[in-house]
């Protein structure tokens, strides 16, 4: 009985870890993710604020980058995870609208 509880607990932990994992930028630059909420991890590059528009570029371990539209500007060079919605437009292509 104890062995069965331990196995069930481990399976539950594994399922939680898989559900919380972040995607790569290459994965989300895809029509299948448009309008969906995702979590992406990477390094912050090129922060900018022009009037009411602000954001930064997020670069993952594979070297892929995606613009992130956000009012919060993390420090350049910091490693972060961002939750947001995948958007595509004619100017930026794919970008992430960060949850605030």
PDB file of N, CA and C in Angstrom:
ATOM      1  N   UNK A   1       0.819  -1.198   0.000  1.00  0.00           N
ATOM      2  CA  UNK A   1       0.000   0.000   0.000  1.00  0.00           C
ATOM      3  C   UNK A   1       0.864   1.265   0.000  1.00  0.00           C
ATOM      4  N   UNK A   2       1.917   1.269   0.853  1.00  0.00           N
ATOM      5  CA  UNK A   2       2.816   2.431   0.903  1.00  0.00           C
ATOM      6  C   UNK A   2       3.517   2.629  -0.434  1.00  0.00           C
ATOM      7  N   UNK A   3       3.919   1.524  -1.037  1.00  0.00           N
ATOM      8  CA  UNK A   3       4.622   1.593  -2.315  1.00  0.00           C
ATOM      9  C   UNK A   3       3.721   2.224  -3.386  1.00  0.00           C
ATOM     10  N   UNK A   4       2.447   1.855  -3.375  1.00  0.00           N
ATOM     11  CA  UNK A   4       1.489   2.391  -4.339  1.00  0.00           C
ATOM     12  C   UNK A   4       1.306   3.895  -4.142  1.00  0.00           C
ATOM     13  N   UNK A   5       1.246   4.378  -2.901  1.00  0.00           N
ATOM     14  CA  UNK A   5       1.103   5.808  -2.620  1.00  0.00           C
ATOM     15  C   UNK A   5       2.327   6.588  -3.091  1.00  0.00           C
ATOM     16  N   UNK A   6       3.506   6.026  -2.893  1.00  0.00           N
ATOM     17  CA  UNK A   6       4.737   6.686  -3.333  1.00  0.00           C
ATOM     18  C   UNK A   6       4.750   6.796  -4.852  1.00  0.00           C
ATOM     19  N   UNK A   7       4.358   5.737  -5.539  1.00  0.00           N
ATOM     20  CA  UNK A   7       4.326   5.760  -7.002  1.00  0.00           C
ATOM     21  C   UNK A   7       3.317   6.795  -7.503  1.00  0.00           C
ATOM     22  N   UNK A   8       2.153   6.838  -6.905  1.00  0.00           N
ATOM     23  CA  UNK A   8       1.141   7.824  -7.297  1.00  0.00           C
ATOM     24  C   UNK A   8       1.615   9.254  -7.040  1.00  0.00           C
ATOM     25  N   UNK A   9       2.285   9.457  -5.925  1.00  0.00           N
ATOM     26  CA  UNK A   9       2.813  10.785  -5.609  1.00  0.00           C
ATOM     27  C   UNK A   9       3.862  11.206  -6.635  1.00  0.00           C
ATOM     28  N   UNK A  10       4.751  10.305  -7.002  1.00  0.00           N
ATOM     29  CA  UNK A  10       5.782  10.610  -7.999  1.00  0.00           C
ATOM     30  C   UNK A  10       5.156  10.909  -9.363  1.00  0.00           C
ATOM     31  N   UNK A  11       4.165  10.136  -9.747  1.00  0.00           N
ATOM     32  CA  UNK A  11       3.480  10.400 -11.019  1.00  0.00           C
ATOM     33  C   UNK A  11       2.807  11.770 -11.008  1.00  0.00           C
ATOM     34  N   UNK A  12       2.204  12.135  -9.887  1.00  0.00           N
ATOM     35  CA  UNK A  12       1.576  13.445  -9.767  1.00  0.00           C
ATOM     36  C   UNK A  12       2.586  14.574  -9.902  1.00  0.00           C
ATOM     37  N   UNK A  13       3.739  14.413  -9.271  1.00  0.00           N
ATOM     38  CA  UNK A  13       4.794  15.429  -9.357  1.00  0.00           C
ATOM     39  C   UNK A  13       5.300  15.565 -10.790  1.00  0.00           C
ATOM     40  N   UNK A  14       5.503  14.451 -11.455  1.00  0.00           N
ATOM     41  CA  UNK A  14       5.971  14.477 -12.849  1.00  0.00           C
ATOM     42  C   UNK A  14       4.953  15.173 -13.740  1.00  0.00           C
ATOM     43  N   UNK A  15       3.673  14.887 -13.548  1.00  0.00           N
ATOM     44  CA  UNK A  15       2.635  15.528 -14.357  1.00  0.00           C
ATOM     45  C   UNK A  15       2.596  17.031 -14.120  1.00  0.00           C
ATOM     46  N   UNK A  16       2.768  17.450 -12.881  1.00  0.00           N
ATOM     47  CA  UNK A  16       2.806  18.889 -12.583  1.00  0.00           C
ATOM     48  C   UNK A  16       4.001  19.554 -13.246  1.00  0.00           C
ATOM     49  N   UNK A  17       5.146  18.902 -13.202  1.00  0.00           N
ATOM     50  CA  UNK A  17       6.352  19.467 -13.795  1.00  0.00           C
ATOM     51  C   UNK A  17       6.196  19.597 -15.310  1.00  0.00           C
ATOM     52  N   UNK A  18       5.615  18.605 -15.951  1.00  0.00           N
ATOM     53  CA  UNK A  18       5.416  18.676 -17.390  1.00  0.00           C
ATOM     54  C   UNK A  18       4.423  19.764 -17.760  1.00  0.00           C
ATOM     55  N   UNK A  19       3.395  19.947 -16.973  1.00  0.00           N
ATOM     56  CA  UNK A  19       2.385  20.964 -17.240  1.00  0.00           C
ATOM     57  C   UNK A  19       2.897  22.373 -17.039  1.00  0.00           C
ATOM     58  N   UNK A  20       3.922  22.553 -16.215  1.00  0.00           N
ATOM     59  CA  UNK A  20       4.449  23.881 -15.908  1.00  0.00           C
ATOM     60  C   UNK A  20       5.681  24.241 -16.726  1.00  0.00           C
ATOM     61  N   UNK A  21       6.144  23.341 -17.577  1.00  0.00           N
ATOM     62  CA  UNK A  21       7.365  23.608 -18.317  1.00  0.00           C
ATOM     63  C   UNK A  21       7.121  24.699 -19.359  1.00  0.00           C
ATOM     64  N   UNK A  22       8.168  25.453 -19.639  1.00  0.00           N
ATOM     65  CA  UNK A  22       8.015  26.507 -20.629  1.00  0.00           C
ATOM     66  C   UNK A  22       8.379  25.965 -22.008  1.00  0.00           C
ATOM     67  N   UNK A  23       7.876  26.625 -23.008  1.00  0.00           N
ATOM     68  CA  UNK A  23       8.114  26.244 -24.393  1.00  0.00           C
ATOM     69  C   UNK A  23       9.308  26.997 -24.936  1.00  0.00           C
ATOM     70  N   UNK A  24       9.848  26.512 -26.052  1.00  0.00           N
ATOM     71  CA  UNK A  24      10.914  27.257 -26.717  1.00  0.00           C
ATOM     72  C   UNK A  24      10.263  28.310 -27.613  1.00  0.00           C
ATOM     73  N   UNK A  25      11.027  29.311 -27.947  1.00  0.00           N
ATOM     74  CA  UNK A  25      10.519  30.375 -28.809  1.00  0.00           C
ATOM     75  C   UNK A  25      10.199  29.826 -30.194  1.00  0.00           C
ATOM     76  N   UNK A  26      11.038  28.932 -30.684  1.00  0.00           N
ATOM     77  CA  UNK A  26      10.796  28.325 -31.997  1.00  0.00           C
ATOM     78  C   UNK A  26       9.453  27.596 -32.023  1.00  0.00           C
ATOM     79  N   UNK A  27       9.101  26.940 -30.911  1.00  0.00           N
ATOM     80  CA  UNK A  27       7.823  26.225 -30.835  1.00  0.00           C
ATOM     81  C   UNK A  27       6.629  27.167 -30.932  1.00  0.00           C
ATOM     82  N   UNK A  28       6.691  28.323 -30.276  1.00  0.00           N
ATOM     83  CA  UNK A  28       5.531  29.213 -30.245  1.00  0.00           C
ATOM     84  C   UNK A  28       5.403  30.095 -31.482  1.00  0.00           C
ATOM     85  N   UNK A  29       6.458  30.203 -32.282  1.00  0.00           N
ATOM     86  CA  UNK A  29       6.355  30.952 -33.538  1.00  0.00           C
ATOM     87  C   UNK A  29       5.706  30.030 -34.567  1.00  0.00           C
ATOM     88  N   UNK A  30       4.424  29.776 -34.339  1.00  0.00           N
ATOM     89  CA  UNK A  30       3.701  28.780 -35.101  1.00  0.00           C
ATOM     90  C   UNK A  30       2.219  29.135 -35.039  1.00  0.00           C
ATOM     91  N   UNK A  31       1.521  28.972 -36.125  1.00  0.00           N
ATOM     92  CA  UNK A  31       0.084  29.292 -36.189  1.00  0.00           C
ATOM     93  C   UNK A  31      -0.712  28.575 -35.101  1.00  0.00           C
ATOM     94  N   UNK A  32      -0.263  27.396 -34.671  1.00  0.00           N
ATOM     95  CA  UNK A  32      -0.996  26.626 -33.662  1.00  0.00           C
ATOM     96  C   UNK A  32      -1.060  27.334 -32.310  1.00  0.00           C
ATOM     97  N   UNK A  33      -0.126  28.245 -32.046  1.00  0.00           N
ATOM     98  CA  UNK A  33      -0.094  28.924 -30.752  1.00  0.00           C
ATOM     99  C   UNK A  33      -0.714  30.321 -30.777  1.00  0.00           C
ATOM    100  N   UNK A  34      -1.126  30.799 -31.945  1.00  0.00           N
ATOM    101  CA  UNK A  34      -1.723  32.142 -32.024  1.00  0.00           C
ATOM    102  C   UNK A  34      -2.928  32.259 -31.100  1.00  0.00           C
ATOM    103  N   UNK A  35      -2.923  33.300 -30.268  1.00  0.00           N
ATOM    104  CA  UNK A  35      -4.012  33.549 -29.343  1.00  0.00           C
ATOM    105  C   UNK A  35      -3.983  32.697 -28.090  1.00  0.00           C
ATOM    106  N   UNK A  36      -2.970  31.834 -27.959  1.00  0.00           N
ATOM    107  CA  UNK A  36      -2.887  30.963 -26.785  1.00  0.00           C
ATOM    108  C   UNK A  36      -1.904  31.526 -25.767  1.00  0.00           C
ATOM    109  N   UNK A  37      -2.180  31.227 -24.495  1.00  0.00           N
ATOM    110  CA  UNK A  37      -1.277  31.641 -23.423  1.00  0.00           C
ATOM    111  C   UNK A  37      -0.166  30.612 -23.281  1.00  0.00           C
ATOM    112  N   UNK A  38       1.067  31.122 -23.195  1.00  0.00           N
ATOM    113  CA  UNK A  38       2.248  30.265 -23.084  1.00  0.00           C
ATOM    114  C   UNK A  38       3.199  30.846 -22.047  1.00  0.00           C
ATOM    115  N   UNK A  39       4.176  30.053 -21.659  1.00  0.00           N
ATOM    116  CA  UNK A  39       5.270  30.520 -20.812  1.00  0.00           C
ATOM    117  C   UNK A  39       6.563  30.258 -21.565  1.00  0.00           C
ATOM    118  N   UNK A  40       7.392  31.298 -21.668  1.00  0.00           N
ATOM    119  CA  UNK A  40       8.677  31.204 -22.364  1.00  0.00           C
ATOM    120  C   UNK A  40       9.763  31.706 -21.429  1.00  0.00           C
ATOM    121  N   UNK A  41      10.902  31.014 -21.420  1.00  0.00           N
ATOM    122  CA  UNK A  41      12.045  31.423 -20.597  1.00  0.00           C
ATOM    123  C   UNK A  41      13.187  31.865 -21.492  1.00  0.00           C
ATOM    124  N   UNK A  42      13.964  32.820 -20.992  1.00  0.00           N
ATOM    125  CA  UNK A  42      15.118  33.278 -21.752  1.00  0.00           C
ATOM    126  C   UNK A  42      15.787  34.467 -21.099  1.00  0.00           C
ATOM    127  N   UNK A  43      16.704  35.069 -21.863  1.00  0.00           N
ATOM    128  CA  UNK A  43      17.464  36.225 -21.396  1.00  0.00           C
ATOM    129  C   UNK A  43      16.879  37.492 -22.005  1.00  0.00           C
ATOM    130  N   UNK A  44      16.775  38.530 -21.189  1.00  0.00           N
ATOM    131  CA  UNK A  44      16.216  39.818 -21.625  1.00  0.00           C
ATOM    132  C   UNK A  44      17.281  40.613 -22.380  1.00  0.00           C
ATOM    133  N   UNK A  45      16.910  41.056 -23.582  1.00  0.00           N
ATOM    134  CA  UNK A  45      17.774  41.906 -24.408  1.00  0.00           C
ATOM    135  C   UNK A  45      16.973  43.117 -24.881  1.00  0.00           C
ATOM    136  N   UNK A  46      17.646  44.178 -25.183  1.00  0.00           N
ATOM    137  CA  UNK A  46      17.067  45.327 -25.886  1.00  0.00           C
ATOM    138  C   UNK A  46      15.755  45.846 -25.306  1.00  0.00           C
ATOM    139  N   UNK A  47      15.764  46.274 -24.062  1.00  0.00           N
ATOM    140  CA  UNK A  47      14.554  46.882 -23.503  1.00  0.00           C
ATOM    141  C   UNK A  47      14.346  48.255 -24.151  1.00  0.00           C
ATOM    142  N   UNK A  48      13.069  48.640 -24.305  1.00  0.00           N
ATOM    143  CA  UNK A  48      12.773  49.951 -24.887  1.00  0.00           C
ATOM    144  C   UNK A  48      11.447  50.472 -24.368  1.00  0.00           C
ATOM    145  N   UNK A  49      11.359  51.789 -24.300  1.00  0.00           N
ATOM    146  CA  UNK A  49      10.115  52.454 -23.917  1.00  0.00           C
ATOM    147  C   UNK A  49      10.006  53.710 -24.764  1.00  0.00           C
ATOM    148  N   UNK A  50       8.941  53.751 -25.573  1.00  0.00           N
ATOM    149  CA  UNK A  50       8.676  54.913 -26.412  1.00  0.00           C
ATOM    150  C   UNK A  50       7.246  55.337 -26.129  1.00  0.00           C
ATOM    151  N   UNK A  51       7.087  56.381 -25.347  1.00  0.00           N
ATOM    152  CA  UNK A  51       5.746  56.814 -24.957  1.00  0.00           C
ATOM    153  C   UNK A  51       5.052  55.730 -24.155  1.00  0.00           C
ATOM    154  N   UNK A  52       3.873  55.325 -24.635  1.00  0.00           N
ATOM    155  CA  UNK A  52       3.112  54.290 -23.938  1.00  0.00           C
ATOM    156  C   UNK A  52       3.493  52.881 -24.380  1.00  0.00           C
ATOM    157  N   UNK A  53       4.359  52.772 -25.374  1.00  0.00           N
ATOM    158  CA  UNK A  53       4.765  51.458 -25.884  1.00  0.00           C
ATOM    159  C   UNK A  53       6.070  51.048 -25.214  1.00  0.00           C
ATOM    160  N   UNK A  54       6.090  49.861 -24.627  1.00  0.00           N
ATOM    161  CA  UNK A  54       7.329  49.372 -24.027  1.00  0.00           C
ATOM    162  C   UNK A  54       7.418  47.865 -24.192  1.00  0.00           C
ATOM    163  N   UNK A  55       8.637  47.379 -24.161  1.00  0.00           N
ATOM    164  CA  UNK A  55       8.855  45.948 -24.298  1.00  0.00           C
ATOM    165  C   UNK A  55      10.333  45.627 -24.347  1.00  0.00           C
ATOM    166  N   UNK A  56      10.611  44.403 -24.738  1.00  0.00           N
ATOM    167  CA  UNK A  56      11.986  43.913 -24.795  1.00  0.00           C
ATOM    168  C   UNK A  56      12.037  42.692 -25.695  1.00  0.00           C
ATOM    169  N   UNK A  57      13.232  42.230 -25.963  1.00  0.00           N
ATOM    170  CA  UNK A  57      13.437  41.006 -26.725  1.00  0.00           C
ATOM    171  C   UNK A  57      13.838  39.917 -25.744  1.00  0.00           C
ATOM    172  N   UNK A  58      13.259  38.733 -25.910  1.00  0.00           N
ATOM    173  CA  UNK A  58      13.605  37.582 -25.083  1.00  0.00           C
ATOM    174  C   UNK A  58      14.310  36.570 -25.969  1.00  0.00           C
ATOM    175  N   UNK A  59      15.500  36.124 -25.557  1.00  0.00           N
ATOM    176  CA  UNK A  59      16.291  35.163 -26.326  1.00  0.00           C
ATOM    177  C   UNK A  59      16.466  33.895 -25.508  1.00  0.00           C
ATOM    178  N   UNK A  60      16.108  32.748 -26.117  1.00  0.00           N
ATOM    179  CA  UNK A  60      16.221  31.485 -25.377  1.00  0.00           C
ATOM    180  C   UNK A  60      17.584  30.826 -25.574  1.00  0.00           C
ATOM    181  N   UNK A  61      17.769  29.655 -24.970  1.00  0.00           N
ATOM    182  CA  UNK A  61      19.061  28.959 -24.994  1.00  0.00           C
ATOM    183  C   UNK A  61      19.479  28.530 -26.396  1.00  0.00           C
ATOM    184  N   UNK A  62      18.506  28.374 -27.306  1.00  0.00           N
ATOM    185  CA  UNK A  62      18.819  27.996 -28.688  1.00  0.00           C
ATOM    186  C   UNK A  62      19.193  29.195 -29.545  1.00  0.00           C
ATOM    187  N   UNK A  63      19.125  30.398 -28.975  1.00  0.00           N
ATOM    188  CA  UNK A  63      19.461  31.611 -29.712  1.00  0.00           C
ATOM    189  C   UNK A  63      18.284  32.222 -30.453  1.00  0.00           C
ATOM    190  N   UNK A  64      17.088  31.642 -30.318  1.00  0.00           N
ATOM    191  CA  UNK A  64      15.884  32.198 -30.936  1.00  0.00           C
ATOM    192  C   UNK A  64      15.396  33.387 -30.112  1.00  0.00           C
ATOM    193  N   UNK A  65      14.866  34.405 -30.795  1.00  0.00           N
ATOM    194  CA  UNK A  65      14.389  35.611 -30.114  1.00  0.00           C
ATOM    195  C   UNK A  65      12.937  35.893 -30.472  1.00  0.00           C
ATOM    196  N   UNK A  66      12.254  36.584 -29.541  1.00  0.00           N
ATOM    197  CA  UNK A  66      10.879  37.023 -29.785  1.00  0.00           C
ATOM    198  C   UNK A  66      10.672  38.343 -29.052  1.00  0.00           C
ATOM    199  N   UNK A  67      10.014  39.310 -29.701  1.00  0.00           N
ATOM    200  CA  UNK A  67       9.673  40.544 -28.996  1.00  0.00           C
ATOM    201  C   UNK A  67       8.598  40.275 -27.947  1.00  0.00           C
ATOM    202  N   UNK A  68       8.685  40.994 -26.830  1.00  0.00           N
ATOM    203  CA  UNK A  68       7.693  40.880 -25.764  1.00  0.00           C
ATOM    204  C   UNK A  68       7.160  42.280 -25.492  1.00  0.00           C
ATOM    205  N   UNK A  69       5.847  42.441 -25.644  1.00  0.00           N
ATOM    206  CA  UNK A  69       5.206  43.725 -25.336  1.00  0.00           C
ATOM    207  C   UNK A  69       4.805  43.677 -23.873  1.00  0.00           C
ATOM    208  N   UNK A  70       5.341  44.606 -23.076  1.00  0.00           N
ATOM    209  CA  UNK A  70       5.108  44.588 -21.639  1.00  0.00           C
ATOM    210  C   UNK A  70       5.335  45.965 -21.047  1.00  0.00           C
ATOM    211  N   UNK A  71       4.535  46.328 -20.051  1.00  0.00           N
ATOM    212  CA  UNK A  71       4.769  47.592 -19.359  1.00  0.00           C
ATOM    213  C   UNK A  71       5.890  47.449 -18.331  1.00  0.00           C
ATOM    214  N   UNK A  72       6.104  46.217 -17.849  1.00  0.00           N
ATOM    215  CA  UNK A  72       7.206  45.956 -16.916  1.00  0.00           C
ATOM    216  C   UNK A  72       8.470  45.682 -17.728  1.00  0.00           C
ATOM    217  N   UNK A  73       9.532  46.398 -17.413  1.00  0.00           N
ATOM    218  CA  UNK A  73      10.790  46.204 -18.129  1.00  0.00           C
ATOM    219  C   UNK A  73      11.833  45.603 -17.192  1.00  0.00           C
ATOM    220  N   UNK A  74      12.100  44.301 -17.330  1.00  0.00           N
ATOM    221  CA  UNK A  74      13.129  43.682 -16.494  1.00  0.00           C
ATOM    222  C   UNK A  74      14.516  44.166 -16.910  1.00  0.00           C
ATOM    223  N   UNK A  75      15.496  43.914 -16.085  1.00  0.00           N
ATOM    224  CA  UNK A  75      16.868  44.332 -16.372  1.00  0.00           C
ATOM    225  C   UNK A  75      17.429  43.546 -17.544  1.00  0.00           C
ATOM    226  N   UNK A  76      18.117  44.256 -18.444  1.00  0.00           N
ATOM    227  CA  UNK A  76      18.764  43.580 -19.564  1.00  0.00           C
ATOM    228  C   UNK A  76      19.785  42.585 -19.034  1.00  0.00           C
ATOM    229  N   UNK A  77      19.814  41.406 -19.645  1.00  0.00           N
ATOM    230  CA  UNK A  77      20.737  40.359 -19.232  1.00  0.00           C
ATOM    231  C   UNK A  77      20.155  39.398 -18.207  1.00  0.00           C
ATOM    232  N   UNK A  78      19.004  39.750 -17.613  1.00  0.00           N
ATOM    233  CA  UNK A  78      18.419  38.863 -16.607  1.00  0.00           C
ATOM    234  C   UNK A  78      17.716  37.680 -17.272  1.00  0.00           C
ATOM    235  N   UNK A  79      17.738  36.541 -16.595  1.00  0.00           N
ATOM    236  CA  UNK A  79      17.060  35.328 -17.051  1.00  0.00           C
ATOM    237  C   UNK A  79      15.679  35.306 -16.410  1.00  0.00           C
ATOM    238  N   UNK A  80      14.630  35.248 -17.241  1.00  0.00           N
ATOM    239  CA  UNK A  80      13.261  35.289 -16.719  1.00  0.00           C
ATOM    240  C   UNK A  80      12.374  34.284 -17.446  1.00  0.00           C
ATOM    241  N   UNK A  81      11.196  34.058 -16.877  1.00  0.00           N
ATOM    242  CA  UNK A  81      10.122  33.332 -17.540  1.00  0.00           C
ATOM    243  C   UNK A  81       8.971  34.312 -17.698  1.00  0.00           C
ATOM    244  N   UNK A  82       8.366  34.317 -18.883  1.00  0.00           N
ATOM    245  CA  UNK A  82       7.288  35.252 -19.179  1.00  0.00           C
ATOM    246  C   UNK A  82       6.044  34.473 -19.582  1.00  0.00           C
ATOM    247  N   UNK A  83       4.910  34.840 -18.978  1.00  0.00           N
ATOM    248  CA  UNK A  83       3.615  34.288 -19.382  1.00  0.00           C
ATOM    249  C   UNK A  83       2.924  35.322 -20.237  1.00  0.00           C
ATOM    250  N   UNK A  84       2.341  34.863 -21.334  1.00  0.00           N
ATOM    251  CA  UNK A  84       1.619  35.794 -22.173  1.00  0.00           C
ATOM    252  C   UNK A  84       0.923  35.117 -23.321  1.00  0.00           C
ATOM    253  N   UNK A  85       0.325  35.925 -24.183  1.00  0.00           N
ATOM    254  CA  UNK A  85      -0.428  35.447 -25.329  1.00  0.00           C
ATOM    255  C   UNK A  85       0.377  35.667 -26.601  1.00  0.00           C
ATOM    256  N   UNK A  86       0.409  34.656 -27.451  1.00  0.00           N
ATOM    257  CA  UNK A  86       1.140  34.741 -28.719  1.00  0.00           C
ATOM    258  C   UNK A  86       0.290  35.518 -29.722  1.00  0.00           C
ATOM    259  N   UNK A  87       0.900  36.567 -30.314  1.00  0.00           N
ATOM    260  CA  UNK A  87       0.243  37.442 -31.287  1.00  0.00           C
ATOM    261  C   UNK A  87       1.102  37.455 -32.552  1.00  0.00           C
ATOM    262  N   UNK A  88       0.484  37.734 -33.685  1.00  0.00           N
ATOM    263  CA  UNK A  88       1.243  37.896 -34.932  1.00  0.00           C
ATOM    264  C   UNK A  88       0.682  39.102 -35.667  1.00  0.00           C
ATOM    265  N   UNK A  89       1.590  39.992 -36.111  1.00  0.00           N
ATOM    266  CA  UNK A  89       1.153  41.109 -36.938  1.00  0.00           C
ATOM    267  C   UNK A  89       2.148  41.327 -38.066  1.00  0.00           C
ATOM    268  N   UNK A  90       1.810  42.221 -38.990  1.00  0.00           N
ATOM    269  CA  UNK A  90       2.646  42.416 -40.178  1.00  0.00           C
ATOM    270  C   UNK A  90       3.950  43.146 -39.878  1.00  0.00           C
ATOM    271  N   UNK A  91       4.009  43.927 -38.801  1.00  0.00           N
ATOM    272  CA  UNK A  91       5.219  44.688 -38.472  1.00  0.00           C
ATOM    273  C   UNK A  91       6.237  43.854 -37.711  1.00  0.00           C
ATOM    274  N   UNK A  92       5.817  43.206 -36.616  1.00  0.00           N
ATOM    275  CA  UNK A  92       6.741  42.463 -35.762  1.00  0.00           C
ATOM    276  C   UNK A  92       6.760  40.969 -36.039  1.00  0.00           C
ATOM    277  N   UNK A  93       5.825  40.465 -36.794  1.00  0.00           N
ATOM    278  CA  UNK A  93       5.690  39.015 -36.934  1.00  0.00           C
ATOM    279  C   UNK A  93       5.126  38.475 -35.632  1.00  0.00           C
ATOM    280  N   UNK A  94       5.670  37.380 -35.152  1.00  0.00           N
ATOM    281  CA  UNK A  94       5.207  36.814 -33.887  1.00  0.00           C
ATOM    282  C   UNK A  94       5.788  37.614 -32.721  1.00  0.00           C
ATOM    283  N   UNK A  95       4.961  37.874 -31.718  1.00  0.00           N
ATOM    284  CA  UNK A  95       5.442  38.480 -30.484  1.00  0.00           C
ATOM    285  C   UNK A  95       4.572  37.985 -29.331  1.00  0.00           C
ATOM    286  N   UNK A  96       5.018  38.266 -28.129  1.00  0.00           N
ATOM    287  CA  UNK A  96       4.307  37.830 -26.928  1.00  0.00           C
ATOM    288  C   UNK A  96       3.752  39.048 -26.207  1.00  0.00           C
ATOM    289  N   UNK A  97       2.450  39.061 -25.971  1.00  0.00           N
ATOM    290  CA  UNK A  97       1.807  40.085 -25.154  1.00  0.00           C
ATOM    291  C   UNK A  97       1.847  39.575 -23.716  1.00  0.00           C
ATOM    292  N   UNK A  98       2.761  40.120 -22.922  1.00  0.00           N
ATOM    293  CA  UNK A  98       2.964  39.628 -21.549  1.00  0.00           C
ATOM    294  C   UNK A  98       1.759  39.918 -20.674  1.00  0.00           C
ATOM    295  N   UNK A  99       1.480  38.998 -19.751  1.00  0.00           N
ATOM    296  CA  UNK A  99       0.459  39.241 -18.738  1.00  0.00           C
ATOM    297  C   UNK A  99       1.051  40.233 -17.758  1.00  0.00           C
ATOM    298  N   UNK A 100       0.260  41.180 -17.341  1.00  0.00           N
ATOM    299  CA  UNK A 100       0.758  42.192 -16.395  1.00  0.00           C
ATOM    300  C   UNK A 100       0.293  41.904 -15.005  1.00  0.00           C
TER     301      UNK A 100
END
